[in-house]
Each structure stands twice: as structure tokens, then as C-alpha cells.
Amino acid sequence: MSDSAGTATGLGTPDRPERAGKERRPGRLRRVITFYKQVVAELRKVIWPTRRELLTYTAVVLVFVVFMVAVVSLFDFVFSQGVLAVFGNG
């Protein structure tokens, strides 16, 4: 009896061919260095905003957050007054 994973009983790990001797993985330090180099290469591709754009985006976000806080606070106040009107003060 064999399942689709390639094991005889379905309980073990799939059968894998052994690695060839020349297919060794690089060491941990080499992988960290390679990762760091790739991160730096990707960050160089980023189009960074100018100071003026950054200030504009920040102002837009802050205005939006303040607006949403006001909307949620208004709804909270209206619904709490509604609950108090329906169920009384206690």
C-alpha cells in the first residue's frame, strides 16, 4: 500500500533521493551575508519620498486619523445616549 506522498505506510516521511556530494548548502554565516546583500540591493531600488512628500503624507494620515477618532467618538456618544434613553440610568 502506497500513498501519494511516496511512503510505504503513509506514516513516515516521503522518500527522497540522497543529495549529491557537490550540492552542499552554504554555511549559516554565508547565508546571512547573502541575505544582507540582497536586502541592501532591494533597498537601493526603492524610490524614497522627498521631505516635502513625506510631510504631506504624514499630515494626510494624521488628519484622517483625527477624523476617524471624531467619527467613532460621535457614534459612541450617540449610541450610549440611545442605550441610556432606552434602558434608563440604572
C-alpha atoms as a PDB file:
ATOM      1  CA  MET A   1       0.000   0.000   0.000  1.00  0.00           C
ATOM      2  CA  SER A   2       1.477   3.383  -1.046  1.00  0.00           C
ATOM      3  CA  ASP A   3       0.111   6.890  -0.690  1.00  0.00           C
ATOM      4  CA  SER A   4       0.727   9.964  -2.848  1.00  0.00           C
ATOM      5  CA  ALA A   5       3.498  11.275  -0.559  1.00  0.00           C
ATOM      6  CA  GLY A   6       5.778   8.407  -1.581  1.00  0.00           C
ATOM      7  CA  THR A   7       5.865   6.449   1.683  1.00  0.00           C
ATOM      8  CA  ALA A   8       5.177   2.780   2.001  1.00  0.00           C
ATOM      9  CA  THR A   9       2.863   3.035   5.013  1.00  0.00           C
ATOM     10  CA  GLY A  10       1.774   6.661   4.857  1.00  0.00           C
ATOM     11  CA  LEU A  11       3.190   7.299   8.348  1.00  0.00           C
ATOM     12  CA  GLY A  12       6.796   8.291   7.599  1.00  0.00           C
ATOM     13  CA  THR A  13       8.456  10.981   5.593  1.00  0.00           C
ATOM     14  CA  PRO A  14       8.384  10.931   1.813  1.00  0.00           C
ATOM     15  CA  ASP A  15      11.200   9.066   0.107  1.00  0.00           C
ATOM     16  CA  ARG A  16      13.840  11.469  -1.137  1.00  0.00           C
ATOM     17  CA  PRO A  17      16.866  10.808  -3.266  1.00  0.00           C
ATOM     18  CA  GLU A  18      20.145  11.399  -1.434  1.00  0.00           C
ATOM     19  CA  ARG A  19      21.903  14.699  -2.097  1.00  0.00           C
ATOM     20  CA  ALA A  20      24.883  14.618  -4.350  1.00  0.00           C
ATOM     21  CA  GLY A  21      28.137  15.467  -2.568  1.00  0.00           C
ATOM     22  CA  LYS A  22      28.661  18.680  -4.539  1.00  0.00           C
ATOM     23  CA  GLU A  23      25.208  20.161  -3.646  1.00  0.00           C
ATOM     24  CA  ARG A  24      26.192  21.401  -0.200  1.00  0.00           C
ATOM     25  CA  ARG A  25      24.291  24.295   1.337  1.00  0.00           C
ATOM     26  CA  PRO A  26      26.376  27.324   2.205  1.00  0.00           C
ATOM     27  CA  GLY A  27      27.130  27.927   5.870  1.00  0.00           C
ATOM     28  CA  ARG A  28      24.935  29.981   8.136  1.00  0.00           C
ATOM     29  CA  LEU A  29      27.258  32.989   8.063  1.00  0.00           C
ATOM     30  CA  ARG A  30      27.402  32.935   4.252  1.00  0.00           C
ATOM     31  CA  ARG A  31      23.585  32.810   4.068  1.00  0.00           C
ATOM     32  CA  VAL A  32      23.299  35.793   6.476  1.00  0.00           C
ATOM     33  CA  ILE A  33      25.795  37.795   4.405  1.00  0.00           C
ATOM     34  CA  THR A  34      23.961  36.916   1.186  1.00  0.00           C
ATOM     35  CA  PHE A  35      20.643  37.908   2.756  1.00  0.00           C
ATOM     36  CA  TYR A  36      22.086  41.244   3.909  1.00  0.00           C
ATOM     37  CA  LYS A  37      23.475  41.974   0.434  1.00  0.00           C
ATOM     38  CA  GLN A  38      20.121  41.174  -1.158  1.00  0.00           C
ATOM     39  CA  VAL A  39      18.284  43.452   1.313  1.00  0.00           C
ATOM     40  CA  VAL A  40      20.649  46.326   0.546  1.00  0.00           C
ATOM     41  CA  ALA A  41      20.227  45.736  -3.205  1.00  0.00           C
ATOM     42  CA  GLU A  42      16.428  45.836  -2.868  1.00  0.00           C
ATOM     43  CA  LEU A  43      16.512  48.984  -0.715  1.00  0.00           C
ATOM     44  CA  ARG A  44      18.532  50.743  -3.422  1.00  0.00           C
ATOM     45  CA  LYS A  45      15.653  50.110  -5.845  1.00  0.00           C
ATOM     46  CA  VAL A  46      13.168  51.905  -3.567  1.00  0.00           C
ATOM     47  CA  ILE A  47      12.031  55.353  -4.659  1.00  0.00           C
ATOM     48  CA  TRP A  48      12.239  57.258  -1.404  1.00  0.00           C
ATOM     49  CA  PRO A  49       9.861  60.212  -0.887  1.00  0.00           C
ATOM     50  CA  THR A  50      11.228  63.711  -0.641  1.00  0.00           C
ATOM     51  CA  ARG A  51      10.960  65.608   2.633  1.00  0.00           C
ATOM     52  CA  ARG A  52       8.017  67.607   1.273  1.00  0.00           C
ATOM     53  CA  GLU A  53       6.182  64.443   0.152  1.00  0.00           C
ATOM     54  CA  LEU A  54       6.862  62.793   3.495  1.00  0.00           C
ATOM     55  CA  LEU A  55       5.446  65.765   5.404  1.00  0.00           C
ATOM     56  CA  THR A  56       2.398  65.839   3.110  1.00  0.00           C
ATOM     57  CA  TYR A  57       1.737  62.103   3.549  1.00  0.00           C
ATOM     58  CA  THR A  58       2.193  62.391   7.311  1.00  0.00           C
ATOM     59  CA  ALA A  59      -0.245  65.315   7.518  1.00  0.00           C
ATOM     60  CA  VAL A  60      -2.828  63.427   5.439  1.00  0.00           C
ATOM     61  CA  VAL A  61      -2.555  60.375   7.691  1.00  0.00           C
ATOM     62  CA  LEU A  62      -2.835  62.450  10.877  1.00  0.00           C
ATOM     63  CA  VAL A  63      -5.872  64.365   9.585  1.00  0.00           C
ATOM     64  CA  PHE A  64      -7.542  61.099   8.570  1.00  0.00           C
ATOM     65  CA  VAL A  65      -6.835  59.503  11.965  1.00  0.00           C
ATOM     66  CA  VAL A  66      -8.210  62.541  13.831  1.00  0.00           C
ATOM     67  CA  PHE A  67     -11.301  62.494  11.611  1.00  0.00           C
ATOM     68  CA  MET A  68     -11.893  58.785  12.237  1.00  0.00           C
ATOM     69  CA  VAL A  69     -11.436  59.249  16.010  1.00  0.00           C
ATOM     70  CA  ALA A  70     -14.049  62.007  15.889  1.00  0.00           C
ATOM     71  CA  VAL A  71     -16.491  59.817  13.895  1.00  0.00           C
ATOM     72  CA  VAL A  72     -16.065  56.851  16.247  1.00  0.00           C
ATOM     73  CA  SER A  73     -16.397  59.113  19.294  1.00  0.00           C
ATOM     74  CA  LEU A  74     -19.570  60.642  17.880  1.00  0.00           C
ATOM     75  CA  PHE A  75     -21.083  57.205  17.220  1.00  0.00           C
ATOM     76  CA  ASP A  76     -20.066  56.075  20.706  1.00  0.00           C
ATOM     77  CA  PHE A  77     -21.718  59.115  22.282  1.00  0.00           C
ATOM     78  CA  VAL A  78     -24.911  58.773  20.209  1.00  0.00           C
ATOM     79  CA  PHE A  79     -25.291  55.052  20.877  1.00  0.00           C
ATOM     80  CA  SER A  80     -24.519  55.406  24.593  1.00  0.00           C
ATOM     81  CA  GLN A  81     -27.176  58.138  24.870  1.00  0.00           C
ATOM     82  CA  GLY A  82     -29.582  55.873  22.991  1.00  0.00           C
ATOM     83  CA  VAL A  83     -28.905  52.968  25.347  1.00  0.00           C
ATOM     84  CA  LEU A  84     -29.378  55.211  28.356  1.00  0.00           C
ATOM     85  CA  ALA A  85     -32.666  56.534  26.909  1.00  0.00           C
ATOM     86  CA  VAL A  86     -33.989  53.010  26.278  1.00  0.00           C
ATOM     87  CA  PHE A  87     -32.818  51.296  29.456  1.00  0.00           C
ATOM     88  CA  GLY A  88     -32.677  54.232  31.863  1.00  0.00           C
ATOM     89  CA  ASN A  89     -29.932  55.420  34.135  1.00  0.00           C
ATOM     90  CA  GLY A  90     -29.776  52.352  36.247  1.00  0.00           C
END
